[in-house]
N, C-alpha and C. Protein backbone atom coordinates (compact mmCIF):
# COMPACT_ATOMS: atom_id res chain seq x y z
N MET A 1 -50.23 -28.67 43.97
CA MET A 1 -49.77 -30.14 43.88
C MET A 1 -48.45 -30.21 43.81
N LEU A 2 -47.92 -31.17 44.81
CA LEU A 2 -46.57 -31.50 44.61
C LEU A 2 -46.27 -32.80 44.18
N TYR A 3 -45.33 -32.96 43.00
CA TYR A 3 -45.03 -34.12 42.60
C TYR A 3 -43.68 -34.62 42.81
N HIS A 4 -43.53 -35.94 43.03
CA HIS A 4 -42.34 -36.35 43.30
C HIS A 4 -41.77 -37.18 42.18
N PRO A 5 -40.28 -36.89 42.17
CA PRO A 5 -39.84 -37.92 40.87
C PRO A 5 -39.97 -39.22 41.04
N LEU A 6 -40.20 -40.06 40.02
CA LEU A 6 -40.39 -41.45 40.19
C LEU A 6 -39.03 -41.96 40.22
N LYS A 7 -38.70 -43.08 41.06
CA LYS A 7 -37.64 -43.85 41.15
C LYS A 7 -37.42 -44.79 40.40
N ARG A 8 -36.90 -44.72 39.22
CA ARG A 8 -36.77 -45.85 38.36
C ARG A 8 -35.29 -46.21 38.11
N ILE A 9 -35.02 -47.36 37.84
CA ILE A 9 -33.80 -47.62 37.15
C ILE A 9 -33.97 -48.17 35.96
N ILE A 10 -33.26 -47.48 35.04
CA ILE A 10 -33.46 -47.55 33.65
C ILE A 10 -32.01 -48.05 32.96
N ARG A 11 -31.60 -49.11 32.41
CA ARG A 11 -30.74 -49.74 32.02
C ARG A 11 -30.43 -49.63 30.53
N PHE A 12 -29.51 -49.15 30.24
CA PHE A 12 -29.15 -49.31 28.63
C PHE A 12 -28.83 -50.55 28.15
N LEU A 13 -29.61 -51.08 26.77
CA LEU A 13 -29.29 -52.17 26.40
C LEU A 13 -28.60 -51.97 25.18
N ASN A 14 -28.90 -51.14 24.11
CA ASN A 14 -28.07 -51.27 23.14
C ASN A 14 -28.47 -49.76 22.26
N SER A 15 -27.44 -49.85 21.18
CA SER A 15 -27.92 -48.73 20.17
C SER A 15 -28.50 -49.31 18.84
N LEU A 16 -29.22 -48.58 18.20
CA LEU A 16 -29.71 -49.26 16.99
C LEU A 16 -29.56 -48.38 16.00
N ASN A 17 -29.24 -48.92 14.84
CA ASN A 17 -29.15 -48.23 13.46
C ASN A 17 -28.46 -46.69 13.36
N PRO A 18 -27.29 -46.80 13.94
CA PRO A 18 -26.61 -45.39 13.91
C PRO A 18 -26.23 -44.94 12.36
N VAL A 19 -26.66 -43.71 12.10
CA VAL A 19 -26.34 -43.14 10.80
C VAL A 19 -25.41 -42.06 10.92
N PHE A 20 -24.26 -42.22 10.07
CA PHE A 20 -23.37 -41.27 10.56
C PHE A 20 -23.14 -40.25 8.89
N GLN A 21 -22.79 -38.98 9.10
CA GLN A 21 -22.71 -38.24 8.07
C GLN A 21 -21.44 -37.26 8.31
N GLU A 22 -20.60 -37.24 7.58
CA GLU A 22 -19.44 -36.32 7.59
C GLU A 22 -19.75 -35.02 6.90
N GLN A 23 -19.41 -33.86 7.88
CA GLN A 23 -19.56 -32.57 7.69
C GLN A 23 -18.32 -31.65 7.97
N ASP A 24 -17.47 -31.29 6.94
CA ASP A 24 -16.17 -30.62 7.60
C ASP A 24 -15.53 -31.47 8.36
N ASN A 25 -15.18 -30.81 9.45
CA ASN A 25 -14.24 -31.49 10.66
C ASN A 25 -15.21 -32.21 11.65
N GLN A 26 -16.44 -32.47 11.39
CA GLN A 26 -17.44 -32.99 12.38
C GLN A 26 -17.99 -34.24 11.79
N VAL A 27 -18.67 -34.83 12.48
CA VAL A 27 -19.59 -36.13 11.95
C VAL A 27 -20.89 -35.89 12.73
N LYS A 28 -21.97 -35.84 11.98
CA LYS A 28 -23.50 -35.87 12.58
C LYS A 28 -23.94 -37.25 12.65
N VAL A 29 -24.62 -37.51 13.93
CA VAL A 29 -25.01 -38.99 14.11
C VAL A 29 -26.18 -38.99 14.47
N TRP A 30 -27.17 -39.97 13.82
CA TRP A 30 -28.64 -40.07 14.10
C TRP A 30 -28.52 -41.62 15.01
N VAL A 31 -28.93 -41.64 16.07
CA VAL A 31 -28.98 -43.03 16.56
C VAL A 31 -30.02 -43.03 17.54
N THR A 32 -30.79 -44.45 17.53
CA THR A 32 -31.93 -44.90 18.60
C THR A 32 -31.17 -45.75 19.55
N VAL A 33 -31.48 -45.49 20.78
CA VAL A 33 -30.82 -46.12 22.03
C VAL A 33 -32.08 -46.79 22.75
N LYS A 34 -31.92 -47.92 22.97
CA LYS A 34 -32.80 -49.10 23.60
C LYS A 34 -32.56 -49.06 25.04
N TYR A 35 -33.52 -48.80 25.92
CA TYR A 35 -33.55 -48.95 27.51
C TYR A 35 -34.43 -49.76 28.05
N LEU A 36 -34.27 -50.44 29.03
CA LEU A 36 -35.09 -51.41 29.79
C LEU A 36 -35.37 -50.57 31.37
N ASP A 37 -36.78 -50.50 31.37
CA ASP A 37 -37.23 -50.38 32.72
C ASP A 37 -36.91 -51.47 33.55
N GLU A 38 -36.28 -51.49 34.63
CA GLU A 38 -35.93 -52.75 35.40
C GLU A 38 -37.48 -52.87 36.45
N THR A 39 -38.14 -52.00 36.64
CA THR A 39 -39.30 -52.19 37.59
C THR A 39 -40.45 -53.03 36.72
N THR A 40 -40.83 -52.00 35.61
CA THR A 40 -41.82 -52.55 34.42
C THR A 40 -41.36 -53.57 33.43
N LYS A 41 -40.08 -53.73 33.32
CA LYS A 41 -39.60 -54.62 32.32
C LYS A 41 -40.08 -54.06 30.88
N ALA A 42 -40.22 -52.89 30.96
CA ALA A 42 -40.79 -52.33 29.55
C ALA A 42 -39.54 -51.78 28.93
N THR A 43 -39.62 -51.76 27.54
CA THR A 43 -38.34 -51.09 26.82
C THR A 43 -38.69 -49.83 26.33
N GLN A 44 -37.85 -49.01 26.31
CA GLN A 44 -37.96 -47.56 25.88
C GLN A 44 -37.16 -47.24 24.83
N LEU A 45 -37.52 -46.84 23.50
CA LEU A 45 -36.32 -46.48 22.51
C LEU A 45 -36.49 -44.69 22.66
N SER A 46 -35.34 -44.12 22.86
CA SER A 46 -35.10 -42.88 22.41
C SER A 46 -34.14 -42.57 21.47
N GLN A 47 -34.52 -41.40 20.70
CA GLN A 47 -33.65 -41.04 19.32
C GLN A 47 -32.76 -40.00 19.81
N TYR A 48 -31.56 -39.85 19.44
CA TYR A 48 -30.80 -38.83 19.52
C TYR A 48 -30.11 -38.33 18.14
N GLU A 49 -29.60 -37.17 18.23
CA GLU A 49 -29.04 -36.42 17.17
C GLU A 49 -27.88 -35.81 17.62
N LEU A 50 -26.56 -36.14 17.27
CA LEU A 50 -25.42 -35.98 17.92
C LEU A 50 -24.67 -34.89 16.92
N ILE A 51 -23.70 -34.19 17.35
CA ILE A 51 -22.66 -33.65 16.42
C ILE A 51 -21.22 -33.79 17.18
N LEU A 52 -20.38 -34.62 16.42
CA LEU A 52 -19.18 -35.11 17.07
C LEU A 52 -17.96 -34.24 16.29
N GLU A 53 -16.91 -34.15 17.31
CA GLU A 53 -15.90 -33.30 16.64
C GLU A 53 -14.56 -34.00 17.42
N LYS A 54 -13.55 -34.34 16.23
CA LYS A 54 -12.51 -34.87 16.90
C LYS A 54 -11.34 -33.63 17.25
N ASN A 55 -10.80 -33.75 18.60
CA ASN A 55 -9.46 -32.81 18.80
C ASN A 55 -8.61 -34.15 19.18
N THR A 56 -8.45 -34.61 20.12
CA THR A 56 -7.49 -35.41 20.91
C THR A 56 -8.45 -36.79 20.85
N ASN A 57 -9.55 -36.39 21.24
CA ASN A 57 -10.65 -37.74 21.14
C ASN A 57 -11.91 -37.20 20.81
N TRP A 58 -12.90 -38.28 20.38
CA TRP A 58 -14.07 -37.60 19.91
C TRP A 58 -14.84 -37.05 21.14
N MET A 59 -15.58 -35.80 20.69
CA MET A 59 -16.45 -35.27 21.70
C MET A 59 -17.83 -34.83 21.16
N ILE A 60 -18.88 -34.86 21.93
CA ILE A 60 -20.06 -34.44 21.40
C ILE A 60 -19.87 -32.93 21.52
N VAL A 61 -20.43 -32.31 20.72
CA VAL A 61 -20.23 -30.80 20.63
C VAL A 61 -21.42 -30.22 20.52
N GLU A 62 -22.67 -30.76 20.05
CA GLU A 62 -24.08 -30.30 19.91
C GLU A 62 -24.87 -31.76 20.00
């Protein structure tokens, strides 16, 4: 059986409740991001855990 990817337009709406925790020279971030599916008008919440590190600019390192 062959599956084709769904062609959806998902739009970023906003980030919710970011939590920041400093660890040495890094910052650990937990954040929920809200997206809108333009076709179905359904919202989707995705949770992310990021580790940021600053050199010249902040970068996601993990």
